[in-house]
Protein backbone atom coordinates (compact mmCIF):
# COMPACT_ATOMS: atom_id res chain seq x y z
CA UNK A 1 20.16 -0.11 0.79
CA UNK A 2 16.32 0.67 1.84
CA UNK A 3 16.93 3.06 4.54
CA UNK A 4 19.43 5.81 2.54
CA UNK A 5 18.02 4.40 -0.78
CA UNK A 6 21.39 3.62 -1.89
CA UNK A 7 21.88 1.84 -5.73
CA UNK A 8 24.79 0.12 -4.59
CA UNK A 9 28.11 -0.16 -3.05
CA UNK A 10 31.45 1.06 -3.87
CA UNK A 11 34.38 -1.36 -2.36
CA UNK A 12 37.36 1.01 -2.12
CA UNK A 13 41.05 -0.58 -2.26
CA UNK A 14 40.43 -3.74 -2.65
CA UNK A 15 43.82 -4.73 -4.05
CA UNK A 16 45.16 -4.15 -0.57
CA UNK A 17 42.65 -6.89 0.57
CA UNK A 18 43.32 -9.36 -2.20
CA UNK A 19 46.80 -9.72 -1.47
CA UNK A 20 49.04 -10.49 1.70
CA UNK A 21 51.66 -7.83 0.31
CA UNK A 22 48.56 -5.37 -0.27
CA UNK A 23 49.79 -4.52 -3.74
CA UNK A 24 52.77 -2.61 -2.60
CA UNK A 25 55.59 -2.68 -4.67
CA UNK A 26 54.06 -5.02 -6.86
CA UNK A 27 53.72 -4.36 -10.92
CA UNK A 28 50.95 -6.51 -12.30
CA UNK A 29 51.54 -7.65 -15.40
CA UNK A 30 48.84 -9.87 -16.46
CA UNK A 31 50.58 -13.23 -15.63
CA UNK A 32 48.19 -15.48 -13.88
CA UNK A 33 51.05 -16.45 -11.24
CA UNK A 34 50.50 -12.95 -9.90
CA UNK A 35 46.95 -13.60 -9.47
CA UNK A 36 46.63 -17.08 -8.36
CA UNK A 37 49.08 -18.30 -5.54
CA UNK A 38 50.22 -17.70 -1.98
CA UNK A 39 50.19 -14.22 -1.95
CA UNK A 40 46.35 -14.20 -2.69
CA UNK A 41 44.48 -13.61 0.77
CA UNK A 42 41.75 -16.35 0.37
CA UNK A 43 39.80 -15.29 3.53
CA UNK A 44 39.59 -11.64 1.48
CA UNK A 45 38.16 -13.71 -1.77
CA UNK A 46 35.55 -15.33 0.56
CA UNK A 47 34.49 -11.88 2.22
CA UNK A 48 34.02 -10.27 -1.21
CA UNK A 49 32.15 -13.15 -3.01
CA UNK A 50 29.98 -13.52 0.27
CA UNK A 51 29.19 -10.06 0.33
CA UNK A 52 28.42 -9.71 -3.35
CA UNK A 53 26.32 -12.68 -3.47
CA UNK A 54 24.19 -11.42 -0.05
CA UNK A 55 23.87 -7.96 -2.08
CA UNK A 56 22.75 -9.40 -5.25
CA UNK A 57 20.28 -11.85 -3.64
CA UNK A 58 18.70 -9.69 -1.26
CA UNK A 59 18.75 -6.58 -3.86
CA UNK A 60 18.72 -7.87 -7.34
CA UNK A 61 19.12 -4.52 -8.94
CA UNK A 62 22.00 -3.70 -6.65
CA UNK A 63 25.23 -2.24 -8.38
CA UNK A 64 28.52 -3.18 -6.64
CA UNK A 65 31.84 -1.63 -7.82
CA UNK A 66 35.41 -2.90 -7.27
CA UNK A 67 38.37 -0.35 -7.23
CA UNK A 68 41.24 -2.60 -8.23
CA UNK A 69 44.58 -1.64 -9.80
CA UNK A 70 45.66 -5.39 -10.03
CA UNK A 71 43.17 -6.43 -12.78
CA UNK A 72 42.43 -9.80 -10.86
CA UNK A 73 40.72 -11.97 -13.33
CA UNK A 74 37.11 -13.16 -12.57
CA UNK A 75 36.29 -9.78 -10.90
CA UNK A 76 33.19 -9.17 -12.47
CA UNK A 77 32.13 -12.46 -13.11
CA UNK A 78 29.32 -13.97 -11.23
CA UNK A 79 29.99 -15.83 -7.98
CA UNK A 80 28.08 -18.97 -9.44
CA UNK A 81 30.52 -18.88 -12.26
CA UNK A 82 33.62 -18.93 -9.82
CA UNK A 83 34.15 -15.00 -9.84
CA UNK A 84 33.98 -12.25 -7.00
CA UNK A 85 30.41 -10.92 -8.32
CA UNK A 86 31.35 -7.15 -8.48
CA UNK A 87 28.96 -5.87 -11.72
CA UNK A 88 31.87 -3.26 -12.54
CA UNK A 89 35.73 -2.70 -12.05
CA UNK A 90 36.91 0.99 -11.09
CA UNK A 91 40.65 1.16 -12.54
CA UNK A 92 42.28 3.87 -10.47
CA UNK A 93 45.76 3.86 -12.35
CA UNK A 94 44.99 6.33 -14.85
CA UNK A 95 42.87 8.84 -12.87
CA UNK A 96 45.73 8.89 -10.26
CA UNK A 97 48.13 9.35 -13.15
CA UNK A 98 46.09 12.68 -14.33
CA UNK A 99 46.31 13.65 -10.32
CA UNK A 100 49.95 13.09 -10.33
CA UNK A 101 50.34 15.12 -13.74
CA UNK A 102 48.08 18.01 -12.26
CA UNK A 103 49.88 18.40 -8.93
CA UNK A 104 53.60 18.34 -10.50
CA UNK A 105 52.86 19.87 -14.22
CA UNK A 106 53.32 18.49 -17.28
CA UNK A 107 55.53 19.65 -20.07
CA UNK A 108 55.62 18.00 -23.55
CA UNK A 109 59.42 18.68 -23.77
CA UNK A 110 59.95 16.17 -20.78
CA UNK A 111 57.63 13.64 -21.77
CA UNK A 112 58.97 12.79 -25.32
CA UNK A 113 58.76 9.12 -26.11
CA UNK A 114 60.74 9.27 -29.33
């Protein structure tokens, strides 16, 4: 932080850390059973909580960003409140869709909803 004058850290792809299934082939609908159960990697939760706690304790103005597609509840709550301690969540589902559309092309006639 001091040597390179960083403002904070972005933790990339934490969905693959949070779950034993790494988020592969899983659609997250918002049901709490998807976020709290045996599929959650508790060691990863502790690592992320500890990382955020240390960073925010040593550098109070530090910004931490979690790139997560699962929508894990309490991701951006303080560690003291039982959260993972991130300041912001970067949801990549929409940007990933735009990348896919730009690569494959988009035609209104093929994407009618009604």
